[in-house]
């Protein structure tokens, strides 16, 4: 990724002062006046991420962050153990904790073998290579609050196709098998828990001593800096860190693992269960849609607002393979495999595919609206547009920029309507597990909480960014996710 800061450096120009992003009570990394100018834009904070918070709020937020950092590594391993060794039985898990207490965690914790390290390192290195070396179109994302223009190589679909082909080639030539990956998955997950934690410490240090560009800074709380991250767009040489952690490692693992789990179930049972087929087929459609839409993701909240810290990087490196792929892991593990029958399989597959299409089509509608500047009709009619203004830094001065907000089509139904079909899709690829147990629906519950929280954070950010124009938009589109309800 190229940014305005790297362009300035290549031209021999001095770097701009790096500003603090989260606490207007402090200056930037150097504590200078430039940081104050960056932050004191509104009473609520700055749209790049700065917020004015009370001491009590800071303390409570820090305690919550500590709780999540401490518990999520263990939850990731417990999810794997629950589905692989306990047949998804919550009662069995509760009984095991009742018998062993917290001693259950070290008892179930996988010890990573050299073979698991080899497979994991090969996958990570291969995906990093593909990200940097595969050809792809140049894509410029939205200008940041500090005036940087992130530039990406859009080669997600190519990387997906090559990765899937590479796995089957490895299987064909005896380099690995689906059953080996399935059996070593827990070991690789345990390794990533540790490696990703260390990597986030590295990102924290890098943000302090060698930030990539001006979109970086500290809130003065080292715990929150570790959790939320220091840099918005960190790079390691030619490697864009967030594109790697989010897309090439995390999302690619989610694309590959369900296929591998399905192949394992086929090898084990001699047939592919229709429940596994429906689940994995829908996940494959969704993940292909993701990489097809990857340039849209580069303009999403994950990339534009969430910094490279534990929350987003550890989450993509560990939580995505553990929790997002868990419905497929459960259905491939349970014996005997669930058989739905043709009518239910077809009905669920069609409903899930329709949900994924609506999710994709809503994102596509907004992308095309922005690309044509609102000139084309939306659903056959002239689009309802809110013409908005916002400010970014350019040459250390605030510059007014213009944007257009779509208030018709899908985006006239609710401000984050696209989250609704995404939640529906997650339900449809999980329901082939049937309804006898709750744990397989962990991802559905998690995704619902995640997207509701994200919708509220995005509304706050847009309110700070667009001000009165966002209020005007909210009057036109009063509902957040569910039209007429919420």
Foldseek 3Di string as FASTA:
>chain_A
DDKPQVVCVVVVHDADDAFAAAELVATWLVRDPLNNVLWPPDQQIFLLHYGHDDPVVVVVVLVVLVVCLVCVLLVLLVLLCCQFPVLVAPVVVVVVCVVQPPVVSVVSQDAADPVLVVVLVVLLVVLQCCQQPPAADWAWEDQAQAGMIDIGGQCQLVSLVVVQVVVVVCCVVVVDALVRCLVCVSNNLSVLSVVLLVVLVVQLVCLSPPAPGNQFGHNPDSSVCQQQHTHLFGDDVSGGQLCSQARRAQLSLLLPNLVSLQRLLCVVPVDRALLSVLLNVLSNLLSSLCSVCVSLVCHDCLRRRGHPHCNRRSCRNRVRNRQVNSLSSNQSNRPPHQHDDDVLSVVLSVLLNVLSVVLSVVSVQVVVCQVVVQPDDAPPHRWDKQKFWFWHDDPSDTDIDIDIDTCDHCCVQAVPQSLVSVLVNLCSSNCSVPDPHDSSCVNSVVSVVVVVVVLVSVLVSVCSGGPPSSVVSCVSHVHHHGGPPD
